[in-house]
All heavy atoms as atom14 arrays in JSON, in Angstrom:
{
  "sequence": "AAIDYGVKVSGCSVHFVTEEIDAGPIILQMPVDVLERDTPETLQTR",
  "atom14_mask": [
    [1, 1, 1, 1, 1, 0, 0, 0, 0, 0, 0, 0, 0, 0],
    [1, 1, 1, 1, 1, 0, 0, 0, 0, 0, 0, 0, 0, 0],
    [1, 1, 1, 1, 1, 1, 1, 1, 0, 0, 0, 0, 0, 0],
    [1, 1, 1, 1, 1, 1, 1, 1, 0, 0, 0, 0, 0, 0],
    [1, 1, 1, 1, 1, 1, 1, 1, 1, 1, 1, 1, 0, 0],
    [1, 1, 1, 1, 0, 0, 0, 0, 0, 0, 0, 0, 0, 0],
    [1, 1, 1, 1, 1, 1, 1, 0, 0, 0, 0, 0, 0, 0],
    [1, 1, 1, 1, 1, 1, 1, 1, 1, 0, 0, 0, 0, 0],
    [1, 1, 1, 1, 1, 1, 1, 0, 0, 0, 0, 0, 0, 0],
    [1, 1, 1, 1, 1, 1, 0, 0, 0, 0, 0, 0, 0, 0],
    [1, 1, 1, 1, 0, 0, 0, 0, 0, 0, 0, 0, 0, 0],
    [1, 1, 1, 1, 1, 1, 0, 0, 0, 0, 0, 0, 0, 0],
    [1, 1, 1, 1, 1, 1, 0, 0, 0, 0, 0, 0, 0, 0],
    [1, 1, 1, 1, 1, 1, 1, 0, 0, 0, 0, 0, 0, 0],
    [1, 1, 1, 1, 1, 1, 1, 1, 1, 1, 0, 0, 0, 0],
    [1, 1, 1, 1, 1, 1, 1, 1, 1, 1, 1, 0, 0, 0],
    [1, 1, 1, 1, 1, 1, 1, 0, 0, 0, 0, 0, 0, 0],
    [1, 1, 1, 1, 1, 1, 1, 0, 0, 0, 0, 0, 0, 0],
    [1, 1, 1, 1, 1, 1, 1, 1, 1, 0, 0, 0, 0, 0],
    [1, 1, 1, 1, 1, 1, 1, 1, 1, 0, 0, 0, 0, 0],
    [1, 1, 1, 1, 1, 1, 1, 1, 0, 0, 0, 0, 0, 0],
    [1, 1, 1, 1, 1, 1, 1, 1, 0, 0, 0, 0, 0, 0],
    [1, 1, 1, 1, 1, 0, 0, 0, 0, 0, 0, 0, 0, 0],
    [1, 1, 1, 1, 0, 0, 0, 0, 0, 0, 0, 0, 0, 0],
    [1, 1, 1, 1, 1, 1, 1, 0, 0, 0, 0, 0, 0, 0],
    [1, 1, 1, 1, 1, 1, 1, 1, 0, 0, 0, 0, 0, 0],
    [1, 1, 1, 1, 1, 1, 1, 1, 0, 0, 0, 0, 0, 0],
    [1, 1, 1, 1, 1, 1, 1, 1, 0, 0, 0, 0, 0, 0],
    [1, 1, 1, 1, 1, 1, 1, 1, 1, 0, 0, 0, 0, 0],
    [1, 1, 1, 1, 1, 1, 1, 1, 0, 0, 0, 0, 0, 0],
    [1, 1, 1, 1, 1, 1, 1, 0, 0, 0, 0, 0, 0, 0],
    [1, 1, 1, 1, 1, 1, 1, 0, 0, 0, 0, 0, 0, 0],
    [1, 1, 1, 1, 1, 1, 1, 1, 0, 0, 0, 0, 0, 0],
    [1, 1, 1, 1, 1, 1, 1, 0, 0, 0, 0, 0, 0, 0],
    [1, 1, 1, 1, 1, 1, 1, 1, 0, 0, 0, 0, 0, 0],
    [1, 1, 1, 1, 1, 1, 1, 1, 1, 0, 0, 0, 0, 0],
    [1, 1, 1, 1, 1, 1, 1, 1, 1, 1, 1, 0, 0, 0],
    [1, 1, 1, 1, 1, 1, 1, 1, 0, 0, 0, 0, 0, 0],
    [1, 1, 1, 1, 1, 1, 1, 0, 0, 0, 0, 0, 0, 0],
    [1, 1, 1, 1, 1, 1, 1, 0, 0, 0, 0, 0, 0, 0],
    [1, 1, 1, 1, 1, 1, 1, 1, 1, 0, 0, 0, 0, 0],
    [1, 1, 1, 1, 1, 1, 1, 0, 0, 0, 0, 0, 0, 0],
    [1, 1, 1, 1, 1, 1, 1, 1, 0, 0, 0, 0, 0, 0],
    [1, 1, 1, 1, 1, 1, 1, 1, 1, 0, 0, 0, 0, 0],
    [1, 1, 1, 1, 1, 1, 1, 0, 0, 0, 0, 0, 0, 0],
    [1, 1, 1, 1, 1, 1, 1, 1, 1, 1, 1, 0, 0, 0]
  ],
  "atom14_positions": [
    [[-33.53, -50.49, 121.11], [-33.84, -49.24, 121.58], [-35.14, -49.21, 122.48], [-35.14, -48.52, 123.51], [-34.04, -48.22, 120.45], [0.0, 0.0, 0.0], [0.0, 0.0, 0.0], [0.0, 0.0, 0.0], [0.0, 0.0, 0.0], [0.0, 0.0, 0.0], [0.0, 0.0, 0.0], [0.0, 0.0, 0.0], [0.0, 0.0, 0.0], [0.0, 0.0, 0.0]],
    [[-36.08, -50.02, 122.16], [-37.33, -50.1, 122.91], [-37.03, -50.6, 124.23], [-37.5, -50.11, 125.35], [-38.35, -50.91, 122.16], [0.0, 0.0, 0.0], [0.0, 0.0, 0.0], [0.0, 0.0, 0.0], [0.0, 0.0, 0.0], [0.0, 0.0, 0.0], [0.0, 0.0, 0.0], [0.0, 0.0, 0.0], [0.0, 0.0, 0.0], [0.0, 0.0, 0.0]],
    [[-36.16, -51.76, 124.38], [-35.88, -52.24, 125.64], [-35.06, -51.34, 126.51], [-35.23, -51.3, 127.66], [-35.26, -53.68, 125.38], [-36.21, -54.7, 124.89], [-34.61, -54.3, 126.71], [-35.67, -55.97, 124.39], [0.0, 0.0, 0.0], [0.0, 0.0, 0.0], [0.0, 0.0, 0.0], [0.0, 0.0, 0.0], [0.0, 0.0, 0.0], [0.0, 0.0, 0.0]],
    [[-34.07, -50.83, 125.74], [-33.07, -49.92, 126.58], [-33.96, -48.68, 127.13], [-33.68, -48.21, 128.28], [-32.02, -49.38, 125.68], [-31.02, -50.41, 125.3], [-30.99, -51.52, 125.94], [-30.26, -50.2, 124.34], [0.0, 0.0, 0.0], [0.0, 0.0, 0.0], [0.0, 0.0, 0.0], [0.0, 0.0, 0.0], [0.0, 0.0, 0.0], [0.0, 0.0, 0.0]],
    [[-34.88, -48.24, 126.41], [-35.74, -47.08, 126.92], [-36.63, -47.47, 127.99], [-37.01, -46.67, 128.77], [-36.55, -46.49, 125.72], [-36.98, -45.02, 125.99], [-36.28, -43.97, 125.56], [-38.27, -44.84, 126.6], [-36.6, -42.72, 125.9], [-38.69, -43.58, 126.83], [-37.88, -42.5, 126.5], [-38.3, -41.16, 126.71], [0.0, 0.0, 0.0], [0.0, 0.0, 0.0]],
    [[-36.9, -48.73, 128.07], [-37.87, -49.23, 129.13], [-39.35, -49.13, 128.91], [-40.15, -49.15, 129.8], [0.0, 0.0, 0.0], [0.0, 0.0, 0.0], [0.0, 0.0, 0.0], [0.0, 0.0, 0.0], [0.0, 0.0, 0.0], [0.0, 0.0, 0.0], [0.0, 0.0, 0.0], [0.0, 0.0, 0.0], [0.0, 0.0, 0.0], [0.0, 0.0, 0.0]],
    [[-39.71, -49.06, 127.57], [-41.14, -48.99, 127.28], [-41.81, -50.23, 127.7], [-41.26, -51.34, 127.71], [-41.36, -48.68, 125.72], [-40.81, -47.35, 125.39], [-40.85, -49.82, 124.98], [0.0, 0.0, 0.0], [0.0, 0.0, 0.0], [0.0, 0.0, 0.0], [0.0, 0.0, 0.0], [0.0, 0.0, 0.0], [0.0, 0.0, 0.0], [0.0, 0.0, 0.0]],
    [[-43.08, -50.2, 128.06], [-43.94, -51.36, 128.4], [-44.67, -51.93, 127.21], [-45.12, -53.1, 127.32], [-44.88, -50.98, 129.57], [-44.24, -50.45, 130.87], [-43.3, -51.38, 131.33], [-42.66, -50.89, 132.66], [-41.6, -51.72, 133.25], [0.0, 0.0, 0.0], [0.0, 0.0, 0.0], [0.0, 0.0, 0.0], [0.0, 0.0, 0.0], [0.0, 0.0, 0.0]],
    [[-44.87, -51.06, 126.15], [-45.59, -51.52, 125.09], [-44.8, -51.09, 123.79], [-44.42, -50.0, 123.61], [-47.01, -50.95, 124.91], [-47.72, -51.36, 123.68], [-47.8, -51.32, 126.28], [0.0, 0.0, 0.0], [0.0, 0.0, 0.0], [0.0, 0.0, 0.0], [0.0, 0.0, 0.0], [0.0, 0.0, 0.0], [0.0, 0.0, 0.0], [0.0, 0.0, 0.0]],
    [[-44.55, -52.06, 122.86], [-43.98, -51.65, 121.57], [-45.03, -52.24, 120.55], [-46.24, -52.2, 120.83], [-42.62, -52.24, 121.33], [-42.06, -51.81, 120.21], [0.0, 0.0, 0.0], [0.0, 0.0, 0.0], [0.0, 0.0, 0.0], [0.0, 0.0, 0.0], [0.0, 0.0, 0.0], [0.0, 0.0, 0.0], [0.0, 0.0, 0.0], [0.0, 0.0, 0.0]],
    [[-44.63, -52.62, 119.39], [-45.52, -53.06, 118.36], [-45.02, -52.86, 116.98], [-43.87, -52.85, 116.73], [0.0, 0.0, 0.0], [0.0, 0.0, 0.0], [0.0, 0.0, 0.0], [0.0, 0.0, 0.0], [0.0, 0.0, 0.0], [0.0, 0.0, 0.0], [0.0, 0.0, 0.0], [0.0, 0.0, 0.0], [0.0, 0.0, 0.0], [0.0, 0.0, 0.0]],
    [[-45.99, -52.64, 116.01], [-45.64, -52.37, 114.66], [-46.64, -51.35, 114.07], [-47.7, -51.26, 114.58], [-45.66, -53.67, 113.89], [-47.14, -54.55, 113.79], [0.0, 0.0, 0.0], [0.0, 0.0, 0.0], [0.0, 0.0, 0.0], [0.0, 0.0, 0.0], [0.0, 0.0, 0.0], [0.0, 0.0, 0.0], [0.0, 0.0, 0.0], [0.0, 0.0, 0.0]],
    [[-46.18, -50.7, 113.01], [-46.98, -49.74, 112.31], [-46.86, -49.89, 110.87], [-45.72, -50.2, 110.31], [-46.54, -48.28, 112.7], [-46.48, -48.1, 114.11], [0.0, 0.0, 0.0], [0.0, 0.0, 0.0], [0.0, 0.0, 0.0], [0.0, 0.0, 0.0], [0.0, 0.0, 0.0], [0.0, 0.0, 0.0], [0.0, 0.0, 0.0], [0.0, 0.0, 0.0]],
    [[-47.95, -49.66, 110.11], [-47.9, -49.67, 108.65], [-48.24, -48.2, 108.26], [-49.26, -47.67, 108.8], [-48.9, -50.61, 108.04], [-48.77, -50.54, 106.48], [-48.67, -52.01, 108.47], [0.0, 0.0, 0.0], [0.0, 0.0, 0.0], [0.0, 0.0, 0.0], [0.0, 0.0, 0.0], [0.0, 0.0, 0.0], [0.0, 0.0, 0.0], [0.0, 0.0, 0.0]],
    [[-47.42, -47.62, 107.45], [-47.57, -46.17, 107.1], [-47.34, -46.0, 105.61], [-46.66, -46.87, 105.03], [-46.73, -45.32, 107.99], [-45.21, -45.62, 107.66], [-44.49, -44.82, 106.74], [-44.29, -46.53, 108.09], [-43.22, -45.33, 106.67], [-43.14, -46.32, 107.54], [0.0, 0.0, 0.0], [0.0, 0.0, 0.0], [0.0, 0.0, 0.0], [0.0, 0.0, 0.0]],
    [[-47.78, -44.99, 105.08], [-47.51, -44.59, 103.79], [-46.06, -44.03, 103.65], [-45.56, -43.35, 104.58], [-48.4, -43.42, 103.24], [-49.83, -44.01, 102.75], [-50.85, -43.89, 103.6], [-49.91, -44.76, 101.58], [-52.14, -44.37, 103.2], [-51.15, -45.15, 101.15], [-52.19, -45.05, 101.97], [0.0, 0.0, 0.0], [0.0, 0.0, 0.0], [0.0, 0.0, 0.0]],
    [[-45.37, -44.3, 102.55], [-44.03, -43.82, 102.41], [-44.01, -42.41, 101.83], [-44.68, -42.02, 100.96], [-43.32, -44.82, 101.45], [-41.87, -44.24, 101.12], [-43.28, -46.16, 101.98], [0.0, 0.0, 0.0], [0.0, 0.0, 0.0], [0.0, 0.0, 0.0], [0.0, 0.0, 0.0], [0.0, 0.0, 0.0], [0.0, 0.0, 0.0], [0.0, 0.0, 0.0]],
    [[-43.22, -41.59, 102.52], [-43.02, -40.17, 102.11], [-41.49, -39.91, 102.08], [-40.64, -40.87, 102.3], [-43.63, -39.19, 103.09], [-43.02, -39.42, 104.42], [-45.08, -39.33, 103.25], [0.0, 0.0, 0.0], [0.0, 0.0, 0.0], [0.0, 0.0, 0.0], [0.0, 0.0, 0.0], [0.0, 0.0, 0.0], [0.0, 0.0, 0.0], [0.0, 0.0, 0.0]],
    [[-41.14, -38.75, 101.69], [-39.73, -38.34, 101.57], [-39.0, -38.55, 102.87], [-37.81, -38.91, 102.87], [-39.54, -36.99, 101.07], [-40.09, -36.69, 99.68], [-39.03, -37.04, 98.54], [-37.93, -37.46, 98.91], [-39.42, -36.91, 97.39], [0.0, 0.0, 0.0], [0.0, 0.0, 0.0], [0.0, 0.0, 0.0], [0.0, 0.0, 0.0], [0.0, 0.0, 0.0]],
    [[-39.65, -38.29, 103.94], [-39.04, -38.4, 105.27], [-39.22, -39.81, 105.83], [-40.33, -40.39, 105.73], [-39.76, -37.4, 106.3], [-39.01, -37.35, 107.59], [-39.76, -36.3, 108.48], [-40.56, -35.61, 108.06], [-39.34, -36.31, 109.76], [0.0, 0.0, 0.0], [0.0, 0.0, 0.0], [0.0, 0.0, 0.0], [0.0, 0.0, 0.0], [0.0, 0.0, 0.0]],
    [[-38.22, -40.38, 106.32], [-38.13, -41.81, 106.7], [-39.04, -42.04, 107.83], [-39.03, -41.29, 108.83], [-36.68, -42.22, 107.1], [-35.79, -42.12, 105.94], [-36.74, -43.65, 107.64], [-34.32, -42.36, 106.32], [0.0, 0.0, 0.0], [0.0, 0.0, 0.0], [0.0, 0.0, 0.0], [0.0, 0.0, 0.0], [0.0, 0.0, 0.0], [0.0, 0.0, 0.0]],
    [[-39.96, -43.01, 107.65], [-40.88, -43.48, 108.69], [-41.85, -42.4, 109.18], [-42.39, -42.42, 110.36], [-40.17, -43.97, 109.91], [-39.24, -45.28, 109.6], [-39.65, -45.98, 108.72], [-38.28, -45.43, 110.28], [0.0, 0.0, 0.0], [0.0, 0.0, 0.0], [0.0, 0.0, 0.0], [0.0, 0.0, 0.0], [0.0, 0.0, 0.0], [0.0, 0.0, 0.0]],
    [[-42.09, -41.38, 108.3], [-42.95, -40.35, 108.74], [-44.19, -40.04, 108.08], [-44.92, -39.05, 108.24], [-42.02, -38.98, 108.69], [0.0, 0.0, 0.0], [0.0, 0.0, 0.0], [0.0, 0.0, 0.0], [0.0, 0.0, 0.0], [0.0, 0.0, 0.0], [0.0, 0.0, 0.0], [0.0, 0.0, 0.0], [0.0, 0.0, 0.0], [0.0, 0.0, 0.0]],
    [[-44.64, -41.01, 107.22], [-45.83, -40.84, 106.37], [-47.09, -41.2, 107.24], [-46.9, -41.64, 108.39], [0.0, 0.0, 0.0], [0.0, 0.0, 0.0], [0.0, 0.0, 0.0], [0.0, 0.0, 0.0], [0.0, 0.0, 0.0], [0.0, 0.0, 0.0], [0.0, 0.0, 0.0], [0.0, 0.0, 0.0], [0.0, 0.0, 0.0], [0.0, 0.0, 0.0]],
    [[-48.25, -40.83, 106.74], [-49.45, -41.03, 107.49], [-49.56, -42.58, 107.91], [-49.35, -43.52, 107.11], [-50.54, -40.73, 106.45], [-49.89, -39.71, 105.61], [-48.47, -40.12, 105.54], [0.0, 0.0, 0.0], [0.0, 0.0, 0.0], [0.0, 0.0, 0.0], [0.0, 0.0, 0.0], [0.0, 0.0, 0.0], [0.0, 0.0, 0.0], [0.0, 0.0, 0.0]],
    [[-49.98, -42.75, 109.14], [-50.05, -44.13, 109.73], [-51.46, -44.71, 109.36], [-52.41, -44.18, 109.58], [-49.9, -44.05, 111.21], [-48.46, -43.58, 111.51], [-50.12, -45.45, 111.89], [-48.23, -43.33, 112.98], [0.0, 0.0, 0.0], [0.0, 0.0, 0.0], [0.0, 0.0, 0.0], [0.0, 0.0, 0.0], [0.0, 0.0, 0.0], [0.0, 0.0, 0.0]],
    [[-51.34, -45.99, 108.73], [-52.6, -46.67, 108.41], [-53.16, -47.41, 109.49], [-54.33, -47.49, 109.88], [-52.3, -47.54, 107.16], [-51.87, -46.75, 105.98], [-53.57, -48.36, 106.83], [-51.28, -47.57, 104.84], [0.0, 0.0, 0.0], [0.0, 0.0, 0.0], [0.0, 0.0, 0.0], [0.0, 0.0, 0.0], [0.0, 0.0, 0.0], [0.0, 0.0, 0.0]],
    [[-52.24, -48.15, 110.16], [-52.68, -48.89, 111.41], [-51.49, -49.27, 112.17], [-50.36, -49.27, 111.74], [-53.51, -50.22, 111.0], [-52.85, -51.2, 110.08], [-51.94, -52.22, 110.92], [-53.82, -51.97, 109.24], [0.0, 0.0, 0.0], [0.0, 0.0, 0.0], [0.0, 0.0, 0.0], [0.0, 0.0, 0.0], [0.0, 0.0, 0.0], [0.0, 0.0, 0.0]],
    [[-51.83, -49.6, 113.4], [-50.78, -50.02, 114.44], [-51.23, -51.17, 115.31], [-52.46, -51.23, 115.55], [-50.36, -48.77, 115.39], [-49.67, -47.65, 114.73], [-49.45, -46.59, 115.49], [-50.18, -45.92, 116.24], [-48.03, -46.11, 115.6], [0.0, 0.0, 0.0], [0.0, 0.0, 0.0], [0.0, 0.0, 0.0], [0.0, 0.0, 0.0], [0.0, 0.0, 0.0]],
    [[-50.4, -51.96, 115.68], [-50.74, -53.09, 116.46], [-49.73, -53.22, 117.72], [-48.52, -53.26, 117.54], [-50.7, -54.45, 115.73], [-51.74, -54.61, 114.67], [-51.79, -56.22, 113.94], [-53.19, -56.06, 112.99], [0.0, 0.0, 0.0], [0.0, 0.0, 0.0], [0.0, 0.0, 0.0], [0.0, 0.0, 0.0], [0.0, 0.0, 0.0], [0.0, 0.0, 0.0]],
    [[-50.29, -53.08, 118.94], [-49.38, -53.04, 120.19], [-49.03, -54.42, 120.57], [-49.75, -55.4, 120.4], [-50.28, -52.3, 121.15], [-51.7, -52.73, 120.81], [-51.63, -52.85, 119.31], [0.0, 0.0, 0.0], [0.0, 0.0, 0.0], [0.0, 0.0, 0.0], [0.0, 0.0, 0.0], [0.0, 0.0, 0.0], [0.0, 0.0, 0.0], [0.0, 0.0, 0.0]],
    [[-47.84, -54.56, 121.17], [-47.32, -55.74, 121.72], [-46.61, -55.43, 123.05], [-45.82, -54.49, 123.16], [-46.26, -56.37, 120.81], [-45.69, -57.66, 121.44], [-46.9, -56.75, 119.46], [0.0, 0.0, 0.0], [0.0, 0.0, 0.0], [0.0, 0.0, 0.0], [0.0, 0.0, 0.0], [0.0, 0.0, 0.0], [0.0, 0.0, 0.0], [0.0, 0.0, 0.0]],
    [[-47.02, -56.06, 124.1], [-46.4, -55.86, 125.43], [-44.9, -56.26, 125.41], [-44.54, -57.22, 124.87], [-47.16, -56.64, 126.51], [-48.52, -56.16, 126.82], [-48.83, -55.0, 126.6], [-49.29, -56.95, 127.32], [0.0, 0.0, 0.0], [0.0, 0.0, 0.0], [0.0, 0.0, 0.0], [0.0, 0.0, 0.0], [0.0, 0.0, 0.0], [0.0, 0.0, 0.0]],
    [[-44.16, -55.43, 126.06], [-42.75, -55.75, 126.23], [-42.59, -56.43, 127.63], [-42.9, -55.82, 128.65], [-41.84, -54.47, 126.22], [-40.38, -54.77, 126.4], [-42.01, -53.71, 124.89], [0.0, 0.0, 0.0], [0.0, 0.0, 0.0], [0.0, 0.0, 0.0], [0.0, 0.0, 0.0], [0.0, 0.0, 0.0], [0.0, 0.0, 0.0], [0.0, 0.0, 0.0]],
    [[-42.06, -57.65, 127.63], [-42.01, -58.35, 128.88], [-40.65, -58.16, 129.59], [-39.65, -57.79, 128.95], [-42.18, -59.87, 128.61], [-43.49, -60.26, 127.75], [-43.47, -61.82, 127.43], [-44.67, -59.88, 128.44], [0.0, 0.0, 0.0], [0.0, 0.0, 0.0], [0.0, 0.0, 0.0], [0.0, 0.0, 0.0], [0.0, 0.0, 0.0], [0.0, 0.0, 0.0]],
    [[-40.69, -58.32, 130.94], [-39.38, -58.08, 131.68], [-38.31, -58.92, 131.2], [-37.09, -58.57, 131.25], [-39.67, -58.34, 133.15], [-40.67, -57.29, 133.81], [-40.14, -55.95, 133.77], [-38.87, -55.69, 133.85], [-40.88, -55.0, 133.69], [0.0, 0.0, 0.0], [0.0, 0.0, 0.0], [0.0, 0.0, 0.0], [0.0, 0.0, 0.0], [0.0, 0.0, 0.0]],
    [[-38.62, -60.15, 130.75], [-37.58, -61.15, 130.33], [-37.21, -60.96, 128.87], [-36.32, -61.72, 128.37], [-38.15, -62.55, 130.56], [-39.32, -62.96, 129.76], [-39.72, -64.37, 129.93], [-40.87, -64.74, 129.16], [-42.1, -64.59, 129.45], [-42.42, -64.03, 130.69], [-43.1, -64.99, 128.59], [0.0, 0.0, 0.0], [0.0, 0.0, 0.0], [0.0, 0.0, 0.0]],
    [[-37.84, -60.05, 128.13], [-37.54, -59.89, 126.71], [-36.09, -59.5, 126.38], [-35.56, -58.66, 127.01], [-38.56, -58.78, 126.12], [-39.7, -59.44, 125.38], [-39.67, -60.52, 124.95], [-40.72, -58.79, 125.51], [0.0, 0.0, 0.0], [0.0, 0.0, 0.0], [0.0, 0.0, 0.0], [0.0, 0.0, 0.0], [0.0, 0.0, 0.0], [0.0, 0.0, 0.0]],
    [[-35.65, -60.12, 125.45], [-34.39, -59.72, 124.66], [-34.83, -59.06, 123.42], [-35.98, -59.23, 122.98], [-33.36, -60.95, 124.47], [-34.05, -61.85, 123.54], [-33.15, -61.59, 125.76], [0.0, 0.0, 0.0], [0.0, 0.0, 0.0], [0.0, 0.0, 0.0], [0.0, 0.0, 0.0], [0.0, 0.0, 0.0], [0.0, 0.0, 0.0], [0.0, 0.0, 0.0]],
    [[-33.92, -58.35, 122.7], [-34.31, -57.87, 121.35], [-34.77, -58.92, 120.5], [-35.65, -58.7, 119.64], [-33.0, -57.19, 120.81], [-32.33, -56.74, 122.04], [-32.59, -57.82, 123.1], [0.0, 0.0, 0.0], [0.0, 0.0, 0.0], [0.0, 0.0, 0.0], [0.0, 0.0, 0.0], [0.0, 0.0, 0.0], [0.0, 0.0, 0.0], [0.0, 0.0, 0.0]],
    [[-34.18, -60.05, 120.5], [-34.43, -61.24, 119.69], [-35.93, -61.78, 120.0], [-36.71, -62.02, 119.05], [-33.48, -62.41, 119.81], [-32.15, -62.13, 119.22], [-31.26, -61.09, 120.12], [-31.64, -60.95, 121.23], [-30.21, -60.71, 119.62], [0.0, 0.0, 0.0], [0.0, 0.0, 0.0], [0.0, 0.0, 0.0], [0.0, 0.0, 0.0], [0.0, 0.0, 0.0]],
    [[-36.25, -61.92, 121.31], [-37.67, -62.44, 121.56], [-38.73, -61.35, 121.23], [-39.71, -61.82, 120.8], [-37.74, -62.83, 123.04], [-37.42, -61.73, 123.88], [-36.62, -64.02, 123.36], [0.0, 0.0, 0.0], [0.0, 0.0, 0.0], [0.0, 0.0, 0.0], [0.0, 0.0, 0.0], [0.0, 0.0, 0.0], [0.0, 0.0, 0.0], [0.0, 0.0, 0.0]],
    [[-38.38, -60.15, 121.54], [-39.31, -59.13, 121.16], [-39.55, -59.03, 119.69], [-40.63, -58.91, 119.23], [-38.98, -57.75, 121.69], [-39.85, -56.52, 121.51], [-41.16, -56.86, 122.21], [-39.23, -55.31, 122.15], [0.0, 0.0, 0.0], [0.0, 0.0, 0.0], [0.0, 0.0, 0.0], [0.0, 0.0, 0.0], [0.0, 0.0, 0.0], [0.0, 0.0, 0.0]],
    [[-38.5, -59.22, 118.91], [-38.52, -59.15, 117.48], [-39.45, -60.27, 117.01], [-40.3, -60.13, 116.12], [-37.18, -59.28, 116.88], [-37.15, -59.22, 115.27], [-35.82, -59.46, 114.67], [-35.18, -60.35, 115.09], [-35.38, -58.56, 113.85], [0.0, 0.0, 0.0], [0.0, 0.0, 0.0], [0.0, 0.0, 0.0], [0.0, 0.0, 0.0], [0.0, 0.0, 0.0]],
    [[-39.26, -61.54, 117.56], [-40.02, -62.64, 117.17], [-41.49, -62.41, 117.36], [-42.3, -62.71, 116.52], [-39.57, -63.8, 117.83], [-38.13, -64.14, 117.53], [-40.35, -65.1, 117.48], [0.0, 0.0, 0.0], [0.0, 0.0, 0.0], [0.0, 0.0, 0.0], [0.0, 0.0, 0.0], [0.0, 0.0, 0.0], [0.0, 0.0, 0.0], [0.0, 0.0, 0.0]],
    [[-41.87, -61.95, 118.54], [-43.35, -61.74, 118.93], [-43.98, -60.56, 118.11], [-45.08, -60.73, 117.61], [-43.45, -61.47, 120.34], [-43.27, -62.75, 121.13], [-43.65, -62.63, 122.59], [-42.81, -61.66, 123.35], [-43.23, -60.51, 123.77], [-44.53, -60.15, 123.5], [-42.48, -59.63, 124.36], [0.0, 0.0, 0.0], [0.0, 0.0, 0.0], [0.0, 0.0, 0.0]]
  ]
}
């Protein structure tokens, strides 16, 4: 989805779990550049 949308930056987030999926308070986030040559697999690995 990130590659299809064309974002330049993705990454990961750690958040508290609430009743709503992926919607709890965010504790921290780490950005990762999305490269032009990225596939879902290579982006996932990085």
